[in-house]
């Protein structure tokens, strides 16, 4: 059976055939639409998973950055402590005082005049008078030679003028169990402690005189 008819010199498709053609095309279009919807759903799922992974990557990146900063700070701290230890300074309180003084000093300088810790520490150790006030006693003490034995130091002490010689304890009569007391140090004894040579020869006596003037018992060794 022919699917077309000839009328007035023109070919016409039968209506039944036209309906079938339209139905076939609609079916193919619907099928493509369903495939597209399925593909869109898959892509949306992948996009959601990708966003979650991106969030995880951002979190890991932030953690890595924090760990990197911590590692840099730890390395810097280790380097500073090693530098201070190489200069023979092992006391943790003195070390903290050095780091605080160093940072404070560098903050007051122009960038071109700033030094690293090694150079700065070497400089103030060679000339303690230029060191921050909080560090001077420690640097001066470290720069002084060890105290001589009593048998060797005695002649030097005797060579001092009478006004500078260490006063000796004068016994007083014992009464009712009261122990004799040492004679007070000369008024200028502590003032003359600024002289390095005098301080070296009389360090223990200066320490005792200082605490006596404060009304305290010796507890901290210079």
C-alpha atoms as a PDB file:
ATOM      1  CA  UNK A   1       0.000   0.000   0.000  1.00  0.00           C
ATOM      2  CA  UNK A   2       1.336   3.343  -1.060  1.00  0.00           C
ATOM      3  CA  UNK A   3       2.117   5.836   1.742  1.00  0.00           C
ATOM      4  CA  UNK A   4       1.426   8.766  -0.584  1.00  0.00           C
ATOM      5  CA  UNK A   5      -1.352   9.790  -2.979  1.00  0.00           C
ATOM      6  CA  UNK A   6      -1.206  11.952  -6.065  1.00  0.00           C
ATOM      7  CA  UNK A   7      -3.696  14.785  -6.184  1.00  0.00           C
ATOM      8  CA  UNK A   8      -3.740  17.680  -8.622  1.00  0.00           C
ATOM      9  CA  UNK A   9      -0.206  16.799  -9.630  1.00  0.00           C
ATOM     10  CA  UNK A  10       1.095  16.852  -5.996  1.00  0.00           C
ATOM     11  CA  UNK A  11       2.145  13.992  -3.703  1.00  0.00           C
ATOM     12  CA  UNK A  12       0.425  13.911  -0.340  1.00  0.00           C
ATOM     13  CA  UNK A  13       1.451  11.738   2.641  1.00  0.00           C
ATOM     14  CA  UNK A  14      -1.273   9.860   4.328  1.00  0.00           C
ATOM     15  CA  UNK A  15      -2.398  11.220   7.667  1.00  0.00           C
ATOM     16  CA  UNK A  16      -1.664   7.916   9.344  1.00  0.00           C
ATOM     17  CA  UNK A  17       1.893   8.126   8.135  1.00  0.00           C
ATOM     18  CA  UNK A  18       2.199  11.731   9.300  1.00  0.00           C
ATOM     19  CA  UNK A  19       1.069  10.767  12.786  1.00  0.00           C
ATOM     20  CA  UNK A  20       3.577   7.936  12.875  1.00  0.00           C
ATOM     21  CA  UNK A  21       6.413  10.207  11.756  1.00  0.00           C
ATOM     22  CA  UNK A  22       5.523  12.774  14.423  1.00  0.00           C
ATOM     23  CA  UNK A  23       5.208  10.086  17.090  1.00  0.00           C
ATOM     24  CA  UNK A  24       8.630   8.667  16.201  1.00  0.00           C
ATOM     25  CA  UNK A  25      10.246  12.068  16.362  1.00  0.00           C
ATOM     26  CA  UNK A  26       8.608  12.863  19.702  1.00  0.00           C
ATOM     27  CA  UNK A  27       9.819   9.554  21.110  1.00  0.00           C
ATOM     28  CA  UNK A  28      13.390  10.254  20.000  1.00  0.00           C
ATOM     29  CA  UNK A  29      13.219  13.776  21.449  1.00  0.00           C
ATOM     30  CA  UNK A  30      11.869  12.477  24.761  1.00  0.00           C
ATOM     31  CA  UNK A  31      14.589   9.843  24.878  1.00  0.00           C
ATOM     32  CA  UNK A  32      17.283  12.463  24.316  1.00  0.00           C
ATOM     33  CA  UNK A  33      15.689  14.644  27.008  1.00  0.00           C
ATOM     34  CA  UNK A  34      15.744  11.770  29.518  1.00  0.00           C
ATOM     35  CA  UNK A  35      19.385  11.042  28.674  1.00  0.00           C
ATOM     36  CA  UNK A  36      20.223  14.715  29.138  1.00  0.00           C
ATOM     37  CA  UNK A  37      18.435  14.842  32.503  1.00  0.00           C
ATOM     38  CA  UNK A  38      20.294  11.743  33.634  1.00  0.00           C
ATOM     39  CA  UNK A  39      23.585  13.300  32.574  1.00  0.00           C
ATOM     40  CA  UNK A  40      22.744  16.527  34.387  1.00  0.00           C
ATOM     41  CA  UNK A  41      21.972  14.571  37.556  1.00  0.00           C
ATOM     42  CA  UNK A  42      25.334  12.791  37.308  1.00  0.00           C
ATOM     43  CA  UNK A  43      27.156  16.080  36.798  1.00  0.00           C
ATOM     44  CA  UNK A  44      25.385  17.645  39.776  1.00  0.00           C
ATOM     45  CA  UNK A  45      26.461  14.697  41.939  1.00  0.00           C
ATOM     46  CA  UNK A  46      30.044  15.071  40.740  1.00  0.00           C
ATOM     47  CA  UNK A  47      29.911  18.829  41.356  1.00  0.00           C
ATOM     48  CA  UNK A  48      28.708  18.318  44.909  1.00  0.00           C
ATOM     49  CA  UNK A  49      31.465  15.791  45.574  1.00  0.00           C
ATOM     50  CA  UNK A  50      33.981  18.179  44.011  1.00  0.00           C
ATOM     51  CA  UNK A  51      32.880  21.013  46.278  1.00  0.00           C
ATOM     52  CA  UNK A  52      33.308  18.781  49.332  1.00  0.00           C
ATOM     53  CA  UNK A  53      36.789  17.823  48.199  1.00  0.00           C
ATOM     54  CA  UNK A  54      37.637  21.474  47.575  1.00  0.00           C
ATOM     55  CA  UNK A  55      36.522  22.244  51.129  1.00  0.00           C
ATOM     56  CA  UNK A  56      38.773  19.483  52.436  1.00  0.00           C
ATOM     57  CA  UNK A  57      41.660  20.800  50.357  1.00  0.00           C
ATOM     58  CA  UNK A  58      41.144  24.309  51.773  1.00  0.00           C
ATOM     59  CA  UNK A  59      41.142  22.911  55.328  1.00  0.00           C
ATOM     60  CA  UNK A  60      44.286  20.884  54.718  1.00  0.00           C
ATOM     61  CA  UNK A  61      45.966  23.888  53.098  1.00  0.00           C
ATOM     62  CA  UNK A  62      45.204  26.058  56.146  1.00  0.00           C
ATOM     63  CA  UNK A  63      46.528  23.358  58.487  1.00  0.00           C
ATOM     64  CA  UNK A  64      49.672  22.998  56.397  1.00  0.00           C
ATOM     65  CA  UNK A  65      50.227  26.767  56.505  1.00  0.00           C
ATOM     66  CA  UNK A  66      49.857  26.803  60.302  1.00  0.00           C
ATOM     67  CA  UNK A  67      52.250  23.878  60.710  1.00  0.00           C
ATOM     68  CA  UNK A  68      54.756  25.598  58.421  1.00  0.00           C
ATOM     69  CA  UNK A  69      54.627  28.756  60.562  1.00  0.00           C
ATOM     70  CA  UNK A  70      55.045  26.703  63.752  1.00  0.00           C
ATOM     71  CA  UNK A  71      58.034  24.906  62.261  1.00  0.00           C
ATOM     72  CA  UNK A  72      59.637  28.203  61.224  1.00  0.00           C
ATOM     73  CA  UNK A  73      59.126  29.619  64.724  1.00  0.00           C
ATOM     74  CA  UNK A  74      60.573  26.462  66.318  1.00  0.00           C
ATOM     75  CA  UNK A  75      63.649  26.615  64.090  1.00  0.00           C
ATOM     76  CA  UNK A  76      64.131  30.303  64.907  1.00  0.00           C
ATOM     77  CA  UNK A  77      63.821  29.614  68.636  1.00  0.00           C
ATOM     78  CA  UNK A  78      66.293  26.737  68.439  1.00  0.00           C
ATOM     79  CA  UNK A  79      68.771  28.915  66.544  1.00  0.00           C
ATOM     80  CA  UNK A  80      68.469  31.706  69.133  1.00  0.00           C
ATOM     81  CA  UNK A  81      68.913  29.333  72.086  1.00  0.00           C
ATOM     82  CA  UNK A  82      71.930  27.721  70.419  1.00  0.00           C
ATOM     83  CA  UNK A  83      73.509  31.133  69.818  1.00  0.00           C
ATOM     84  CA  UNK A  84      73.043  32.151  73.456  1.00  0.00           C
ATOM     85  CA  UNK A  85      74.366  28.810  74.723  1.00  0.00           C
ATOM     86  CA  UNK A  86      77.500  29.192  72.593  1.00  0.00           C
ATOM     87  CA  UNK A  87      78.264  32.355  74.560  1.00  0.00           C
ATOM     88  CA  UNK A  88      78.264  30.339  77.795  1.00  0.00           C
ATOM     89  CA  UNK A  89      74.842  31.536  78.991  1.00  0.00           C
ATOM     90  CA  UNK A  90      72.735  28.574  80.130  1.00  0.00           C
ATOM     91  CA  UNK A  91      70.363  30.069  82.707  1.00  0.00           C
ATOM     92  CA  UNK A  92      66.825  30.123  81.250  1.00  0.00           C
ATOM     93  CA  UNK A  93      65.868  33.391  82.992  1.00  0.00           C
ATOM     94  CA  UNK A  94      68.961  35.166  81.651  1.00  0.00           C
ATOM     95  CA  UNK A  95      68.288  33.706  78.196  1.00  0.00           C
ATOM     96  CA  UNK A  96      64.713  35.065  78.217  1.00  0.00           C
ATOM     97  CA  UNK A  97      66.025  38.462  79.350  1.00  0.00           C
ATOM     98  CA  UNK A  98      68.496  38.482  76.449  1.00  0.00           C
ATOM     99  CA  UNK A  99      65.822  37.655  73.862  1.00  0.00           C
ATOM    100  CA  UNK A 100      63.469  40.301  75.268  1.00  0.00           C
ATOM    101  CA  UNK A 101      66.219  42.936  75.281  1.00  0.00           C
ATOM    102  CA  UNK A 102      67.353  41.990  71.762  1.00  0.00           C
ATOM    103  CA  UNK A 103      63.859  42.283  70.245  1.00  0.00           C
ATOM    104  CA  UNK A 104      63.190  45.528  72.096  1.00  0.00           C
ATOM    105  CA  UNK A 105      66.513  47.030  70.971  1.00  0.00           C
ATOM    106  CA  UNK A 106      66.051  46.052  67.312  1.00  0.00           C
ATOM    107  CA  UNK A 107      62.527  47.523  67.243  1.00  0.00           C
ATOM    108  CA  UNK A 108      63.940  50.939  68.131  1.00  0.00           C
ATOM    109  CA  UNK A 109      66.451  50.872  65.234  1.00  0.00           C
ATOM    110  CA  UNK A 110      66.063  51.571  61.544  1.00  0.00           C
ATOM    111  CA  UNK A 111      66.002  48.425  59.420  1.00  0.00           C
ATOM    112  CA  UNK A 112      69.435  49.167  57.950  1.00  0.00           C
ATOM    113  CA  UNK A 113      70.958  49.375  61.451  1.00  0.00           C
ATOM    114  CA  UNK A 114      69.493  46.147  62.823  1.00  0.00           C
ATOM    115  CA  UNK A 115      71.761  43.206  63.724  1.00  0.00           C
ATOM    116  CA  UNK A 116      71.321  39.499  64.112  1.00  0.00           C
ATOM    117  CA  UNK A 117      71.410  38.028  67.616  1.00  0.00           C
ATOM    118  CA  UNK A 118      74.969  36.684  67.260  1.00  0.00           C
ATOM    119  CA  UNK A 119      76.464  40.060  66.270  1.00  0.00           C
ATOM    120  CA  UNK A 120      74.520  41.986  68.906  1.00  0.00           C
ATOM    121  CA  UNK A 121      75.388  39.583  71.711  1.00  0.00           C
ATOM    122  CA  UNK A 122      79.085  39.565  70.756  1.00  0.00           C
ATOM    123  CA  UNK A 123      79.084  43.376  70.772  1.00  0.00           C
ATOM    124  CA  UNK A 124      77.516  43.865  74.207  1.00  0.00           C
ATOM    125  CA  UNK A 125      79.667  41.094  75.724  1.00  0.00           C
ATOM    126  CA  UNK A 126      82.812  42.852  74.531  1.00  0.00           C
ATOM    127  CA  UNK A 127      81.556  46.125  76.052  1.00  0.00           C
ATOM    128  CA  UNK A 128      78.995  45.421  78.839  1.00  0.00           C
ATOM    129  CA  UNK A 129      78.639  49.176  79.454  1.00  0.00           C
ATOM    130  CA  UNK A 130      76.657  49.355  76.198  1.00  0.00           C
ATOM    131  CA  UNK A 131      74.327  46.508  77.196  1.00  0.00           C
ATOM    132  CA  UNK A 132      70.730  47.059  78.385  1.00  0.00           C
ATOM    133  CA  UNK A 133      70.589  47.678  82.141  1.00  0.00           C
ATOM    134  CA  UNK A 134      68.861  44.357  82.829  1.00  0.00           C
ATOM    135  CA  UNK A 135      71.797  42.438  81.310  1.00  0.00           C
ATOM    136  CA  UNK A 136      74.777  44.395  82.665  1.00  0.00           C
ATOM    137  CA  UNK A 137      75.130  42.518  85.988  1.00  0.00           C
ATOM    138  CA  UNK A 138      75.135  39.146  84.207  1.00  0.00           C
ATOM    139  CA  UNK A 139      77.591  40.184  81.493  1.00  0.00           C
ATOM    140  CA  UNK A 140      79.957  41.869  83.968  1.00  0.00           C
ATOM    141  CA  UNK A 141      79.912  38.808  86.211  1.00  0.00           C
ATOM    142  CA  UNK A 142      80.606  36.524  83.239  1.00  0.00           C
ATOM    143  CA  UNK A 143      83.502  38.721  82.095  1.00  0.00           C
ATOM    144  CA  UNK A 144      85.212  38.656  85.505  1.00  0.00           C
ATOM    145  CA  UNK A 145      87.808  35.916  86.256  1.00  0.00           C
ATOM    146  CA  UNK A 146      87.042  33.276  88.820  1.00  0.00           C
ATOM    147  CA  UNK A 147      87.662  34.251  92.433  1.00  0.00           C
ATOM    148  CA  UNK A 148      91.178  33.444  93.681  1.00  0.00           C
ATOM    149  CA  UNK A 149      91.726  31.017  96.585  1.00  0.00           C
ATOM    150  CA  UNK A 150      91.686  32.666  99.981  1.00  0.00           C
ATOM    151  CA  UNK A 151      95.417  32.036 100.513  1.00  0.00           C
ATOM    152  CA  UNK A 152      96.249  33.892  97.265  1.00  0.00           C
ATOM    153  CA  UNK A 153      93.675  36.636  97.559  1.00  0.00           C
ATOM    154  CA  UNK A 154      94.667  37.601 101.105  1.00  0.00           C
ATOM    155  CA  UNK A 155      97.774  39.656 100.166  1.00  0.00           C
ATOM    156  CA  UNK A 156      95.772  41.687  97.652  1.00  0.00           C
ATOM    157  CA  UNK A 157      93.174  42.439 100.267  1.00  0.00           C
ATOM    158  CA  UNK A 158      95.875  43.510 102.724  1.00  0.00           C
ATOM    159  CA  UNK A 159      97.364  45.837 100.089  1.00  0.00           C
ATOM    160  CA  UNK A 160      94.202  47.961 100.061  1.00  0.00           C
ATOM    161  CA  UNK A 161      94.285  51.232 102.026  1.00  0.00           C
ATOM    162  CA  UNK A 162      92.913  51.063 105.503  1.00  0.00           C
ATOM    163  CA  UNK A 163      89.721  52.841 104.444  1.00  0.00           C
ATOM    164  CA  UNK A 164      89.094  50.202 101.735  1.00  0.00           C
ATOM    165  CA  UNK A 165      90.055  47.076 103.691  1.00  0.00           C
ATOM    166  CA  UNK A 166      87.269  44.708 104.603  1.00  0.00           C
ATOM    167  CA  UNK A 167      86.169  45.422 108.165  1.00  0.00           C
ATOM    168  CA  UNK A 168      86.601  42.455 110.445  1.00  0.00           C
ATOM    169  CA  UNK A 169      84.031  41.348 112.935  1.00  0.00           C
ATOM    170  CA  UNK A 170      84.734  42.680 116.415  1.00  0.00           C
ATOM    171  CA  UNK A 171      83.765  40.350 119.248  1.00  0.00           C
ATOM    172  CA  UNK A 172      81.549  41.744 121.935  1.00  0.00           C
ATOM    173  CA  UNK A 173      81.008  40.241 125.362  1.00  0.00           C
ATOM    174  CA  UNK A 174      78.547  37.401 125.342  1.00  0.00           C
ATOM    175  CA  UNK A 175      75.660  38.072 127.674  1.00  0.00           C
ATOM    176  CA  UNK A 176      72.651  35.870 128.320  1.00  0.00           C
ATOM    177  CA  UNK A 177      73.360  33.752 125.216  1.00  0.00           C
ATOM    178  CA  UNK A 178      73.466  36.716 122.750  1.00  0.00           C
ATOM    179  CA  UNK A 179      75.975  36.060 119.929  1.00  0.00           C
ATOM    180  CA  UNK A 180      78.470  38.767 118.863  1.00  0.00           C
ATOM    181  CA  UNK A 181      77.551  40.708 115.690  1.00  0.00           C
ATOM    182  CA  UNK A 182      79.816  41.789 112.825  1.00  0.00           C
ATOM    183  CA  UNK A 183      80.761  45.454 112.600  1.00  0.00           C
ATOM    184  CA  UNK A 184      78.781  47.337 109.926  1.00  0.00           C
ATOM    185  CA  UNK A 185      80.438  47.939 106.526  1.00  0.00           C
ATOM    186  CA  UNK A 186      81.784  51.438 105.764  1.00  0.00           C
ATOM    187  CA  UNK A 187      79.184  53.821 104.351  1.00  0.00           C
ATOM    188  CA  UNK A 188      80.807  53.925 100.910  1.00  0.00           C
ATOM    189  CA  UNK A 189      81.423  50.161 100.702  1.00  0.00           C
ATOM    190  CA  UNK A 190      78.502  49.481  98.361  1.00  0.00           C
ATOM    191  CA  UNK A 191      79.164  52.604  96.295  1.00  0.00           C
ATOM    192  CA  UNK A 192      82.710  51.437  95.554  1.00  0.00           C
ATOM    193  CA  UNK A 193      81.324  48.099  94.315  1.00  0.00           C
ATOM    194  CA  UNK A 194      81.012  49.694  90.857  1.00  0.00           C
ATOM    195  CA  UNK A 195      84.821  49.405  90.588  1.00  0.00           C
ATOM    196  CA  UNK A 196      85.367  46.010  88.832  1.00  0.00           C
ATOM    197  CA  UNK A 197      88.668  45.319  90.632  1.00  0.00           C
ATOM    198  CA  UNK A 198      87.221  46.181  94.038  1.00  0.00           C
ATOM    199  CA  UNK A 199      84.121  44.117  93.271  1.00  0.00           C
ATOM    200  CA  UNK A 200      86.246  41.103  92.223  1.00  0.00           C
ATOM    201  CA  UNK A 201      88.243  41.162  95.441  1.00  0.00           C
ATOM    202  CA  UNK A 202      85.286  41.757  97.757  1.00  0.00           C
ATOM    203  CA  UNK A 203      82.341  40.149  95.957  1.00  0.00           C
ATOM    204  CA  UNK A 204      81.056  38.031  98.862  1.00  0.00           C
ATOM    205  CA  UNK A 205      81.453  40.875 101.363  1.00  0.00           C
ATOM    206  CA  UNK A 206      79.643  43.267  99.016  1.00  0.00           C
ATOM    207  CA  UNK A 207      76.814  40.772  98.698  1.00  0.00           C
ATOM    208  CA  UNK A 208      76.480  40.439 102.460  1.00  0.00           C
ATOM    209  CA  UNK A 209      76.649  44.198 102.944  1.00  0.00           C
ATOM    210  CA  UNK A 210      73.934  44.721 100.315  1.00  0.00           C
ATOM    211  CA  UNK A 211      71.510  42.325 101.981  1.00  0.00           C
ATOM    212  CA  UNK A 212      72.379  43.729 105.399  1.00  0.00           C
ATOM    213  CA  UNK A 213      71.459  47.199 104.130  1.00  0.00           C
ATOM    214  CA  UNK A 214      68.155  45.782 102.829  1.00  0.00           C
ATOM    215  CA  UNK A 215      67.449  44.013 106.086  1.00  0.00           C
ATOM    216  CA  UNK A 216      67.371  40.626 104.276  1.00  0.00           C
ATOM    217  CA  UNK A 217      69.304  37.392 104.394  1.00  0.00           C
ATOM    218  CA  UNK A 218      71.523  36.534 101.399  1.00  0.00           C
ATOM    219  CA  UNK A 219      69.525  34.329  99.048  1.00  0.00           C
ATOM    220  CA  UNK A 220      70.586  35.133  95.459  1.00  0.00           C
ATOM    221  CA  UNK A 221      74.175  34.695  94.343  1.00  0.00           C
ATOM    222  CA  UNK A 222      75.435  37.332  91.954  1.00  0.00           C
END
